[in-house]
Amino acid sequence: ADLDLSAFVLFSSAGGLVLAAGQAS
């Protein structure tokens, strides 16, 4: 947080938004 980063990229998933049946966690 105290560093001057030009990028902080998180690989998320569409499963957090749609079609996540059986993938609650």
mmCIF file of all heavy atoms, coordinates in Angstrom:
data_MODEL
# 
_entry.id   MODEL 
# 
loop_
_atom_site.group_PDB 
_atom_site.id 
_atom_site.type_symbol 
_atom_site.label_atom_id 
_atom_site.label_alt_id 
_atom_site.label_comp_id 
_atom_site.label_asym_id 
_atom_site.label_entity_id 
_atom_site.label_seq_id 
_atom_site.pdbx_PDB_ins_code 
_atom_site.Cartn_x 
_atom_site.Cartn_y 
_atom_site.Cartn_z 
_atom_site.occupancy 
_atom_site.B_iso_or_equiv 
_atom_site.pdbx_formal_charge 
_atom_site.auth_seq_id 
_atom_site.auth_comp_id 
_atom_site.auth_asym_id 
_atom_site.auth_atom_id 
_atom_site.pdbx_PDB_model_num 
ATOM 1   N N   . ALA A 1 1  ? 0.818   -1.226  0.000   1.00 0.00 ? 1  ALA A N   1 
ATOM 2   C CA  . ALA A 1 1  ? 0.000   0.000   0.000   1.00 0.00 ? 1  ALA A CA  1 
ATOM 3   C C   . ALA A 1 1  ? 0.848   1.270   0.000   1.00 0.00 ? 1  ALA A C   1 
ATOM 4   O O   . ALA A 1 1  ? 0.421   2.290   -0.547  1.00 0.00 ? 1  ALA A O   1 
ATOM 5   C CB  . ALA A 1 1  ? -0.959  -0.006  1.188   1.00 0.00 ? 1  ALA A CB  1 
ATOM 6   N N   . ASP A 1 2  ? 2.041   1.216   0.569   1.00 0.00 ? 2  ASP A N   1 
ATOM 7   C CA  . ASP A 1 2  ? 2.894   2.405   0.628   1.00 0.00 ? 2  ASP A CA  1 
ATOM 8   C C   . ASP A 1 2  ? 3.842   2.514   -0.556  1.00 0.00 ? 2  ASP A C   1 
ATOM 9   O O   . ASP A 1 2  ? 4.629   3.455   -0.631  1.00 0.00 ? 2  ASP A O   1 
ATOM 10  C CB  . ASP A 1 2  ? 3.707   2.400   1.923   1.00 0.00 ? 2  ASP A CB  1 
ATOM 11  C CG  . ASP A 1 2  ? 2.836   2.571   3.157   1.00 0.00 ? 2  ASP A CG  1 
ATOM 12  O OD1 . ASP A 1 2  ? 1.714   3.110   3.032   1.00 0.00 ? 2  ASP A OD1 1 
ATOM 13  O OD2 . ASP A 1 2  ? 3.269   2.145   4.240   1.00 0.00 ? 2  ASP A OD2 1 
ATOM 14  N N   . LEU A 1 3  ? 3.777   1.561   -1.464  1.00 0.00 ? 3  LEU A N   1 
ATOM 15  C CA  . LEU A 1 3  ? 4.641   1.585   -2.643  1.00 0.00 ? 3  LEU A CA  1 
ATOM 16  C C   . LEU A 1 3  ? 3.906   2.254   -3.798  1.00 0.00 ? 3  LEU A C   1 
ATOM 17  O O   . LEU A 1 3  ? 2.684   2.205   -3.890  1.00 0.00 ? 3  LEU A O   1 
ATOM 18  C CB  . LEU A 1 3  ? 5.037   0.152   -3.034  1.00 0.00 ? 3  LEU A CB  1 
ATOM 19  C CG  . LEU A 1 3  ? 5.722   -0.682  -1.950  1.00 0.00 ? 3  LEU A CG  1 
ATOM 20  C CD1 . LEU A 1 3  ? 5.996   -2.093  -2.473  1.00 0.00 ? 3  LEU A CD1 1 
ATOM 21  C CD2 . LEU A 1 3  ? 6.992   -0.020  -1.474  1.00 0.00 ? 3  LEU A CD2 1 
ATOM 22  N N   . ASP A 1 4  ? 4.641   2.858   -4.675  1.00 0.00 ? 4  ASP A N   1 
ATOM 23  C CA  . ASP A 1 4  ? 4.042   3.519   -5.832  1.00 0.00 ? 4  ASP A CA  1 
ATOM 24  C C   . ASP A 1 4  ? 3.941   2.516   -6.984  1.00 0.00 ? 4  ASP A C   1 
ATOM 25  O O   . ASP A 1 4  ? 4.724   2.558   -7.925  1.00 0.00 ? 4  ASP A O   1 
ATOM 26  C CB  . ASP A 1 4  ? 4.891   4.729   -6.232  1.00 0.00 ? 4  ASP A CB  1 
ATOM 27  C CG  . ASP A 1 4  ? 4.282   5.509   -7.361  1.00 0.00 ? 4  ASP A CG  1 
ATOM 28  O OD1 . ASP A 1 4  ? 3.050   5.443   -7.559  1.00 0.00 ? 4  ASP A OD1 1 
ATOM 29  O OD2 . ASP A 1 4  ? 5.044   6.189   -8.090  1.00 0.00 ? 4  ASP A OD2 1 
ATOM 30  N N   . LEU A 1 5  ? 2.967   1.603   -6.875  1.00 0.00 ? 5  LEU A N   1 
ATOM 31  C CA  . LEU A 1 5  ? 2.790   0.581   -7.897  1.00 0.00 ? 5  LEU A CA  1 
ATOM 32  C C   . LEU A 1 5  ? 2.072   1.151   -9.116  1.00 0.00 ? 5  LEU A C   1 
ATOM 33  O O   . LEU A 1 5  ? 1.113   1.902   -8.977  1.00 0.00 ? 5  LEU A O   1 
ATOM 34  C CB  . LEU A 1 5  ? 1.968   -0.592  -7.352  1.00 0.00 ? 5  LEU A CB  1 
ATOM 35  C CG  . LEU A 1 5  ? 2.532   -1.364  -6.168  1.00 0.00 ? 5  LEU A CG  1 
ATOM 36  C CD1 . LEU A 1 5  ? 1.579   -2.490  -5.775  1.00 0.00 ? 5  LEU A CD1 1 
ATOM 37  C CD2 . LEU A 1 5  ? 3.908   -1.913  -6.470  1.00 0.00 ? 5  LEU A CD2 1 
ATOM 38  N N   . SER A 1 6  ? 2.503   0.732   -10.290 1.00 0.00 ? 6  SER A N   1 
ATOM 39  C CA  . SER A 1 6  ? 1.793   1.129   -11.503 1.00 0.00 ? 6  SER A CA  1 
ATOM 40  C C   . SER A 1 6  ? 0.682   0.140   -11.828 1.00 0.00 ? 6  SER A C   1 
ATOM 41  O O   . SER A 1 6  ? -0.215  0.455   -12.603 1.00 0.00 ? 6  SER A O   1 
ATOM 42  C CB  . SER A 1 6  ? 2.761   1.245   -12.682 1.00 0.00 ? 6  SER A CB  1 
ATOM 43  O OG  . SER A 1 6  ? 3.389   0.007   -12.931 1.00 0.00 ? 6  SER A OG  1 
ATOM 44  N N   . ALA A 1 7  ? 0.745   -1.050  -11.222 1.00 0.00 ? 7  ALA A N   1 
ATOM 45  C CA  . ALA A 1 7  ? -0.278  -2.062  -11.474 1.00 0.00 ? 7  ALA A CA  1 
ATOM 46  C C   . ALA A 1 7  ? -0.443  -2.958  -10.239 1.00 0.00 ? 7  ALA A C   1 
ATOM 47  O O   . ALA A 1 7  ? 0.536   -3.320  -9.594  1.00 0.00 ? 7  ALA A O   1 
ATOM 48  C CB  . ALA A 1 7  ? 0.101   -2.921  -12.678 1.00 0.00 ? 7  ALA A CB  1 
ATOM 49  N N   . PHE A 1 8  ? -1.689  -3.270  -9.951  1.00 0.00 ? 8  PHE A N   1 
ATOM 50  C CA  . PHE A 1 8  ? -2.038  -4.246  -8.923  1.00 0.00 ? 8  PHE A CA  1 
ATOM 51  C C   . PHE A 1 8  ? -3.196  -5.024  -9.524  1.00 0.00 ? 8  PHE A C   1 
ATOM 52  O O   . PHE A 1 8  ? -4.338  -4.592  -9.492  1.00 0.00 ? 8  PHE A O   1 
ATOM 53  C CB  . PHE A 1 8  ? -2.460  -3.548  -7.623  1.00 0.00 ? 8  PHE A CB  1 
ATOM 54  C CG  . PHE A 1 8  ? -2.616  -4.475  -6.449  1.00 0.00 ? 8  PHE A CG  1 
ATOM 55  C CD1 . PHE A 1 8  ? -1.566  -4.676  -5.555  1.00 0.00 ? 8  PHE A CD1 1 
ATOM 56  C CD2 . PHE A 1 8  ? -3.805  -5.144  -6.223  1.00 0.00 ? 8  PHE A CD2 1 
ATOM 57  C CE1 . PHE A 1 8  ? -1.708  -5.517  -4.470  1.00 0.00 ? 8  PHE A CE1 1 
ATOM 58  C CE2 . PHE A 1 8  ? -3.956  -5.993  -5.138  1.00 0.00 ? 8  PHE A CE2 1 
ATOM 59  C CZ  . PHE A 1 8  ? -2.903  -6.183  -4.256  1.00 0.00 ? 8  PHE A CZ  1 
ATOM 60  N N   . VAL A 1 9  ? -2.867  -6.154  -10.149 1.00 0.00 ? 9  VAL A N   1 
ATOM 61  C CA  . VAL A 1 9  ? -3.829  -6.901  -10.950 1.00 0.00 ? 9  VAL A CA  1 
ATOM 62  C C   . VAL A 1 9  ? -4.229  -8.179  -10.219 1.00 0.00 ? 9  VAL A C   1 
ATOM 63  O O   . VAL A 1 9  ? -3.371  -8.949  -9.776  1.00 0.00 ? 9  VAL A O   1 
ATOM 64  C CB  . VAL A 1 9  ? -3.234  -7.251  -12.335 1.00 0.00 ? 9  VAL A CB  1 
ATOM 65  C CG1 . VAL A 1 9  ? -4.237  -8.025  -13.177 1.00 0.00 ? 9  VAL A CG1 1 
ATOM 66  C CG2 . VAL A 1 9  ? -2.777  -5.983  -13.052 1.00 0.00 ? 9  VAL A CG2 1 
ATOM 67  N N   . LEU A 1 10 ? -5.527  -8.382  -10.110 1.00 0.00 ? 10 LEU A N   1 
ATOM 68  C CA  . LEU A 1 10 ? -6.080  -9.546  -9.429  1.00 0.00 ? 10 LEU A CA  1 
ATOM 69  C C   . LEU A 1 10 ? -6.807  -10.419 -10.450 1.00 0.00 ? 10 LEU A C   1 
ATOM 70  O O   . LEU A 1 10 ? -7.701  -9.934  -11.149 1.00 0.00 ? 10 LEU A O   1 
ATOM 71  C CB  . LEU A 1 10 ? -7.053  -9.091  -8.347  1.00 0.00 ? 10 LEU A CB  1 
ATOM 72  C CG  . LEU A 1 10 ? -6.457  -8.145  -7.301  1.00 0.00 ? 10 LEU A CG  1 
ATOM 73  C CD1 . LEU A 1 10 ? -7.551  -7.365  -6.587  1.00 0.00 ? 10 LEU A CD1 1 
ATOM 74  C CD2 . LEU A 1 10 ? -5.609  -8.921  -6.328  1.00 0.00 ? 10 LEU A CD2 1 
ATOM 75  N N   . PHE A 1 11 ? -6.424  -11.683 -10.558 1.00 0.00 ? 11 PHE A N   1 
ATOM 76  C CA  . PHE A 1 11 ? -7.113  -12.606 -11.449 1.00 0.00 ? 11 PHE A CA  1 
ATOM 77  C C   . PHE A 1 11 ? -8.323  -13.155 -10.725 1.00 0.00 ? 11 PHE A C   1 
ATOM 78  O O   . PHE A 1 11 ? -8.233  -14.040 -9.889  1.00 0.00 ? 11 PHE A O   1 
ATOM 79  C CB  . PHE A 1 11 ? -6.192  -13.742 -11.899 1.00 0.00 ? 11 PHE A CB  1 
ATOM 80  C CG  . PHE A 1 11 ? -5.429  -13.422 -13.145 1.00 0.00 ? 11 PHE A CG  1 
ATOM 81  C CD1 . PHE A 1 11 ? -4.477  -12.423 -13.138 1.00 0.00 ? 11 PHE A CD1 1 
ATOM 82  C CD2 . PHE A 1 11 ? -5.678  -14.103 -14.319 1.00 0.00 ? 11 PHE A CD2 1 
ATOM 83  C CE1 . PHE A 1 11 ? -3.782  -12.110 -14.283 1.00 0.00 ? 11 PHE A CE1 1 
ATOM 84  C CE2 . PHE A 1 11 ? -4.987  -13.796 -15.473 1.00 0.00 ? 11 PHE A CE2 1 
ATOM 85  C CZ  . PHE A 1 11 ? -4.030  -12.788 -15.455 1.00 0.00 ? 11 PHE A CZ  1 
ATOM 86  N N   . SER A 1 12 ? -9.475  -12.605 -11.045 1.00 0.00 ? 12 SER A N   1 
ATOM 87  C CA  . SER A 1 12 ? -10.744 -13.017 -10.481 1.00 0.00 ? 12 SER A CA  1 
ATOM 88  C C   . SER A 1 12 ? -11.375 -14.018 -11.444 1.00 0.00 ? 12 SER A C   1 
ATOM 89  O O   . SER A 1 12 ? -10.686 -14.600 -12.274 1.00 0.00 ? 12 SER A O   1 
ATOM 90  C CB  . SER A 1 12 ? -11.627 -11.775 -10.290 1.00 0.00 ? 12 SER A CB  1 
ATOM 91  O OG  . SER A 1 12 ? -12.881 -12.115 -9.778  1.00 0.00 ? 12 SER A OG  1 
ATOM 92  N N   . SER A 1 13 ? -12.656 -14.204 -11.334 1.00 0.00 ? 13 SER A N   1 
ATOM 93  C CA  . SER A 1 13 ? -13.341 -15.153 -12.202 1.00 0.00 ? 13 SER A CA  1 
ATOM 94  C C   . SER A 1 13 ? -14.765 -14.708 -12.461 1.00 0.00 ? 13 SER A C   1 
ATOM 95  O O   . SER A 1 13 ? -15.412 -14.142 -11.576 1.00 0.00 ? 13 SER A O   1 
ATOM 96  C CB  . SER A 1 13 ? -13.366 -16.535 -11.546 1.00 0.00 ? 13 SER A CB  1 
ATOM 97  O OG  . SER A 1 13 ? -14.228 -17.400 -12.246 1.00 0.00 ? 13 SER A OG  1 
ATOM 98  N N   . ALA A 1 14 ? -15.240 -14.996 -13.652 1.00 0.00 ? 14 ALA A N   1 
ATOM 99  C CA  . ALA A 1 14 ? -16.646 -14.735 -13.960 1.00 0.00 ? 14 ALA A CA  1 
ATOM 100 C C   . ALA A 1 14 ? -17.537 -15.528 -13.016 1.00 0.00 ? 14 ALA A C   1 
ATOM 101 O O   . ALA A 1 14 ? -18.694 -15.192 -12.803 1.00 0.00 ? 14 ALA A O   1 
ATOM 102 C CB  . ALA A 1 14 ? -16.942 -15.098 -15.414 1.00 0.00 ? 14 ALA A CB  1 
ATOM 103 N N   . GLY A 1 15 ? -16.977 -16.581 -12.407 1.00 0.00 ? 15 GLY A N   1 
ATOM 104 C CA  . GLY A 1 15 ? -17.714 -17.397 -11.451 1.00 0.00 ? 15 GLY A CA  1 
ATOM 105 C C   . GLY A 1 15 ? -18.150 -16.623 -10.216 1.00 0.00 ? 15 GLY A C   1 
ATOM 106 O O   . GLY A 1 15 ? -19.023 -17.072 -9.484  1.00 0.00 ? 15 GLY A O   1 
ATOM 107 N N   . GLY A 1 16 ? -17.582 -15.470 -9.980  1.00 0.00 ? 16 GLY A N   1 
ATOM 108 C CA  . GLY A 1 16 ? -18.028 -14.618 -8.888  1.00 0.00 ? 16 GLY A CA  1 
ATOM 109 C C   . GLY A 1 16 ? -19.274 -13.833 -9.265  1.00 0.00 ? 16 GLY A C   1 
ATOM 110 O O   . GLY A 1 16 ? -19.914 -13.231 -8.412  1.00 0.00 ? 16 GLY A O   1 
ATOM 111 N N   . LEU A 1 17 ? -19.602 -13.842 -10.559 1.00 0.00 ? 17 LEU A N   1 
ATOM 112 C CA  . LEU A 1 17 ? -20.721 -13.045 -11.056 1.00 0.00 ? 17 LEU A CA  1 
ATOM 113 C C   . LEU A 1 17 ? -21.853 -13.890 -11.621 1.00 0.00 ? 17 LEU A C   1 
ATOM 114 O O   . LEU A 1 17 ? -23.024 -13.621 -11.382 1.00 0.00 ? 17 LEU A O   1 
ATOM 115 C CB  . LEU A 1 17 ? -20.221 -12.095 -12.161 1.00 0.00 ? 17 LEU A CB  1 
ATOM 116 C CG  . LEU A 1 17 ? -19.050 -11.194 -11.781 1.00 0.00 ? 17 LEU A CG  1 
ATOM 117 C CD1 . LEU A 1 17 ? -18.486 -10.512 -13.016 1.00 0.00 ? 17 LEU A CD1 1 
ATOM 118 C CD2 . LEU A 1 17 ? -19.486 -10.167 -10.762 1.00 0.00 ? 17 LEU A CD2 1 
ATOM 119 N N   . VAL A 1 18 ? -21.503 -14.895 -12.415 1.00 0.00 ? 18 VAL A N   1 
ATOM 120 C CA  . VAL A 1 18 ? -22.511 -15.718 -13.096 1.00 0.00 ? 18 VAL A CA  1 
ATOM 121 C C   . VAL A 1 18 ? -22.076 -17.174 -13.132 1.00 0.00 ? 18 VAL A C   1 
ATOM 122 O O   . VAL A 1 18 ? -20.892 -17.492 -13.041 1.00 0.00 ? 18 VAL A O   1 
ATOM 123 C CB  . VAL A 1 18 ? -22.746 -15.247 -14.552 1.00 0.00 ? 18 VAL A CB  1 
ATOM 124 C CG1 . VAL A 1 18 ? -23.334 -13.857 -14.605 1.00 0.00 ? 18 VAL A CG1 1 
ATOM 125 C CG2 . VAL A 1 18 ? -21.457 -15.310 -15.356 1.00 0.00 ? 18 VAL A CG2 1 
ATOM 126 N N   . LEU A 1 19 ? -23.020 -18.056 -13.279 1.00 0.00 ? 19 LEU A N   1 
ATOM 127 C CA  . LEU A 1 19 ? -22.781 -19.477 -13.522 1.00 0.00 ? 19 LEU A CA  1 
ATOM 128 C C   . LEU A 1 19 ? -21.809 -20.124 -12.547 1.00 0.00 ? 19 LEU A C   1 
ATOM 129 O O   . LEU A 1 19 ? -20.937 -20.891 -12.943 1.00 0.00 ? 19 LEU A O   1 
ATOM 130 C CB  . LEU A 1 19 ? -22.302 -19.689 -14.961 1.00 0.00 ? 19 LEU A CB  1 
ATOM 131 C CG  . LEU A 1 19 ? -23.272 -19.241 -16.050 1.00 0.00 ? 19 LEU A CG  1 
ATOM 132 C CD1 . LEU A 1 19 ? -22.629 -19.386 -17.416 1.00 0.00 ? 19 LEU A CD1 1 
ATOM 133 C CD2 . LEU A 1 19 ? -24.568 -20.025 -15.989 1.00 0.00 ? 19 LEU A CD2 1 
ATOM 134 N N   . ALA A 1 20 ? -21.956 -19.841 -11.264 1.00 0.00 ? 20 ALA A N   1 
ATOM 135 C CA  . ALA A 1 20 ? -21.050 -20.406 -10.265 1.00 0.00 ? 20 ALA A CA  1 
ATOM 136 C C   . ALA A 1 20 ? -21.686 -21.563 -9.501  1.00 0.00 ? 20 ALA A C   1 
ATOM 137 O O   . ALA A 1 20 ? -21.323 -21.828 -8.362  1.00 0.00 ? 20 ALA A O   1 
ATOM 138 C CB  . ALA A 1 20 ? -20.610 -19.317 -9.307  1.00 0.00 ? 20 ALA A CB  1 
ATOM 139 N N   . ALA A 1 21 ? -22.611 -22.248 -10.111 1.00 0.00 ? 21 ALA A N   1 
ATOM 140 C CA  . ALA A 1 21 ? -23.276 -23.371 -9.442  1.00 0.00 ? 21 ALA A CA  1 
ATOM 141 C C   . ALA A 1 21 ? -22.243 -24.360 -8.927  1.00 0.00 ? 21 ALA A C   1 
ATOM 142 O O   . ALA A 1 21 ? -21.353 -24.783 -9.659  1.00 0.00 ? 21 ALA A O   1 
ATOM 143 C CB  . ALA A 1 21 ? -24.233 -24.065 -10.408 1.00 0.00 ? 21 ALA A CB  1 
ATOM 144 N N   . GLY A 1 22 ? -22.343 -24.693 -7.656  1.00 0.00 ? 22 GLY A N   1 
ATOM 145 C CA  . GLY A 1 22 ? -21.425 -25.645 -7.058  1.00 0.00 ? 22 GLY A CA  1 
ATOM 146 C C   . GLY A 1 22 ? -20.069 -25.075 -6.708  1.00 0.00 ? 22 GLY A C   1 
ATOM 147 O O   . GLY A 1 22 ? -19.158 -25.815 -6.373  1.00 0.00 ? 22 GLY A O   1 
ATOM 148 N N   . GLN A 1 23 ? -19.905 -23.762 -6.788  1.00 0.00 ? 23 GLN A N   1 
ATOM 149 C CA  . GLN A 1 23 ? -18.613 -23.123 -6.516  1.00 0.00 ? 23 GLN A CA  1 
ATOM 150 C C   . GLN A 1 23 ? -18.766 -22.006 -5.488  1.00 0.00 ? 23 GLN A C   1 
ATOM 151 O O   . GLN A 1 23 ? -18.242 -20.915 -5.657  1.00 0.00 ? 23 GLN A O   1 
ATOM 152 C CB  . GLN A 1 23 ? -18.021 -22.554 -7.798  1.00 0.00 ? 23 GLN A CB  1 
ATOM 153 C CG  . GLN A 1 23 ? -17.709 -23.590 -8.846  1.00 0.00 ? 23 GLN A CG  1 
ATOM 154 C CD  . GLN A 1 23 ? -17.097 -22.952 -10.080 1.00 0.00 ? 23 GLN A CD  1 
ATOM 155 O OE1 . GLN A 1 23 ? -17.387 -21.820 -10.426 1.00 0.00 ? 23 GLN A OE1 1 
ATOM 156 N NE2 . GLN A 1 23 ? -16.227 -23.685 -10.742 1.00 0.00 ? 23 GLN A NE2 1 
ATOM 157 N N   . ALA A 1 24 ? -19.457 -22.291 -4.401  1.00 0.00 ? 24 ALA A N   1 
ATOM 158 C CA  . ALA A 1 24 ? -19.765 -21.252 -3.417  1.00 0.00 ? 24 ALA A CA  1 
ATOM 159 C C   . ALA A 1 24 ? -18.518 -20.572 -2.870  1.00 0.00 ? 24 ALA A C   1 
ATOM 160 O O   . ALA A 1 24 ? -18.438 -19.332 -2.827  1.00 0.00 ? 24 ALA A O   1 
ATOM 161 C CB  . ALA A 1 24 ? -20.584 -21.851 -2.276  1.00 0.00 ? 24 ALA A CB  1 
ATOM 162 N N   . SER A 1 25 ? -17.517 -21.330 -2.448  1.00 0.00 ? 25 SER A N   1 
ATOM 163 C CA  . SER A 1 25 ? -16.321 -20.731 -1.852  1.00 0.00 ? 25 SER A CA  1 
ATOM 164 C C   . SER A 1 25 ? -15.495 -19.984 -2.901  1.00 0.00 ? 25 SER A C   1 
ATOM 165 O O   . SER A 1 25 ? -14.972 -18.893 -2.644  1.00 0.00 ? 25 SER A O   1 
ATOM 166 C CB  . SER A 1 25 ? -15.471 -21.785 -1.146  1.00 0.00 ? 25 SER A CB  1 
ATOM 167 O OG  . SER A 1 25 ? -15.149 -22.835 -2.020  1.00 0.00 ? 25 SER A OG  1 
# 
